[in-house]
Protein backbone atom coordinates (compact mmCIF):
# COMPACT_ATOMS: atom_id res chain seq x y z
CA MET A 1 -50.83 -18.31 -47.95
CA LYS A 2 -47.25 -17.87 -48.43
CA PHE A 3 -46.04 -16.52 -51.21
CA ILE A 4 -42.40 -16.00 -53.41
CA TYR A 5 -42.16 -14.40 -56.18
CA ILE A 6 -39.31 -15.34 -58.84
CA LYS A 7 -37.85 -12.34 -60.43
CA ASN A 8 -37.02 -12.96 -64.32
CA TYR A 9 -38.34 -16.26 -64.63
CA LEU A 10 -39.64 -16.09 -67.79
CA GLU A 11 -36.76 -15.84 -69.07
CA ILE A 12 -35.19 -18.27 -68.80
CA PRO A 13 -35.01 -20.93 -71.07
CA ARG A 14 -38.11 -23.43 -71.44
CA GLU A 15 -35.71 -25.93 -70.13
CA GLU A 16 -34.45 -24.85 -67.20
CA LYS A 17 -38.44 -24.38 -65.94
CA LEU A 18 -39.63 -27.97 -66.86
CA ASN A 19 -36.20 -28.97 -64.38
CA PHE A 20 -37.21 -26.09 -61.71
CA PHE A 21 -40.47 -27.96 -61.55
CA LYS A 22 -39.25 -31.05 -61.17
CA PHE A 23 -36.69 -29.66 -58.39
CA ILE A 24 -39.08 -28.26 -56.56
CA SER A 25 -41.74 -31.33 -56.64
CA SER A 26 -38.17 -34.20 -55.31
CA VAL A 27 -38.09 -31.67 -52.73
CA ASP A 28 -39.92 -32.86 -49.32
CA ASN A 29 -42.35 -30.36 -47.15
CA LEU A 30 -42.34 -27.84 -50.53
CA THR A 31 -45.77 -28.20 -51.96
CA ILE A 32 -47.18 -25.61 -54.63
CA MET A 33 -51.12 -24.89 -54.41
CA LYS A 34 -50.74 -22.47 -56.83
CA GLN A 35 -48.98 -20.86 -59.48
CA ARG A 36 -48.95 -17.26 -61.43
CA VAL A 37 -47.55 -16.23 -64.07
CA VAL A 38 -46.91 -12.11 -64.23
CA PHE A 39 -45.79 -11.54 -67.55
CA SER A 40 -45.47 -7.65 -67.00
CA GLU A 41 -42.52 -8.57 -65.15
CA ASN A 42 -41.02 -11.90 -66.49
CA SER A 43 -42.09 -13.28 -63.27
CA LEU A 44 -43.50 -16.40 -61.29
CA LEU A 45 -45.16 -16.21 -58.04
CA LEU A 46 -46.53 -19.49 -56.65
CA ASN A 47 -48.07 -19.55 -53.63
CA PHE A 48 -47.44 -22.76 -50.90
CA LYS A 49 -48.89 -24.72 -48.51
CA GLU A 50 -49.64 -22.41 -45.20
CA ALA A 51 -47.33 -25.22 -43.44
CA THR A 52 -44.94 -24.19 -45.35
CA ASN A 53 -41.31 -23.06 -43.86
CA VAL A 54 -41.07 -20.10 -46.58
CA GLN A 55 -37.89 -18.52 -46.22
CA LYS A 56 -36.17 -22.37 -46.12
CA ALA A 57 -38.40 -22.37 -49.78
CA LYS A 58 -36.96 -19.08 -50.90
CA GLU A 59 -33.61 -21.16 -49.76
CA THR A 60 -33.61 -23.75 -51.89
CA ILE A 61 -35.20 -21.57 -55.16
CA GLU A 62 -31.98 -19.41 -54.43
CA GLY A 63 -29.90 -22.48 -54.21
CA PHE A 64 -31.29 -23.83 -57.71
CA PHE A 65 -31.03 -20.19 -59.21
CA GLU A 66 -27.59 -19.84 -58.59
CA THR A 67 -26.35 -20.15 -61.29
CA ILE A 68 -28.49 -18.29 -63.28
CA PRO A 69 -27.91 -14.65 -63.93
CA ASN A 70 -30.61 -12.34 -62.95
CA VAL A 71 -33.06 -14.64 -61.01
CA SER A 72 -33.97 -14.08 -57.59
CA ALA A 73 -36.58 -15.45 -55.63
CA HIS A 74 -38.38 -12.84 -52.72
CA VAL A 75 -40.74 -13.92 -50.20
CA VAL A 76 -43.79 -11.67 -50.16
CA ASN A 77 -44.77 -10.36 -46.83
CA GLN A 78 -47.88 -9.29 -48.14
CA ILE A 79 -50.65 -9.38 -50.66
CA ILE A 80 -52.98 -6.37 -51.26
CA GLN A 81 -55.64 -6.57 -53.89
CA ASP A 82 -57.69 -4.31 -55.98
CA LYS A 83 -59.99 -4.31 -58.43
CA ASP A 84 -57.32 -3.45 -60.90
CA SER A 85 -53.84 -4.26 -59.36
CA VAL A 86 -52.57 -6.74 -56.96
CA ILE A 87 -50.14 -4.94 -54.84
CA LEU A 88 -47.19 -7.71 -54.00
CA GLU A 89 -45.38 -6.38 -50.90
CA PHE A 90 -41.65 -7.55 -50.08
CA ASN A 91 -39.35 -6.52 -47.11
CA ASN A 92 -38.04 -3.06 -48.49
CA LYS A 93 -40.84 -3.05 -51.66
CA LYS A 94 -43.78 -2.79 -53.20
CA LEU A 95 -44.37 -3.90 -56.40
CA ARG A 96 -47.86 -3.52 -58.46
CA VAL A 97 -48.65 -5.88 -61.03
CA GLU A 98 -52.15 -5.09 -63.10
CA ARG A 99 -54.61 -7.78 -63.28
CA ASP A 100 -54.26 -9.79 -66.01
């Protein structure tokens, strides 16, 4: 599975959130399988189809948010799950997220 983490997504206005999902649904070859809000980080975790070019998806998402400060997209390289939390691993960073 391919994941993109959108940092500070919950901090944008509701209208921008709707615009983002309208935008992402209009882009060819970007099909979101699942989404998960990470309340403790004010962020969003998107799960894409396996056939998705995740780097291109990241660049597309960054393009949408380029005028919105503090929102950034990151490709998740690995997800490690245990009973109490999920660890998201990026290039040089790990983020532990408590399970809801």
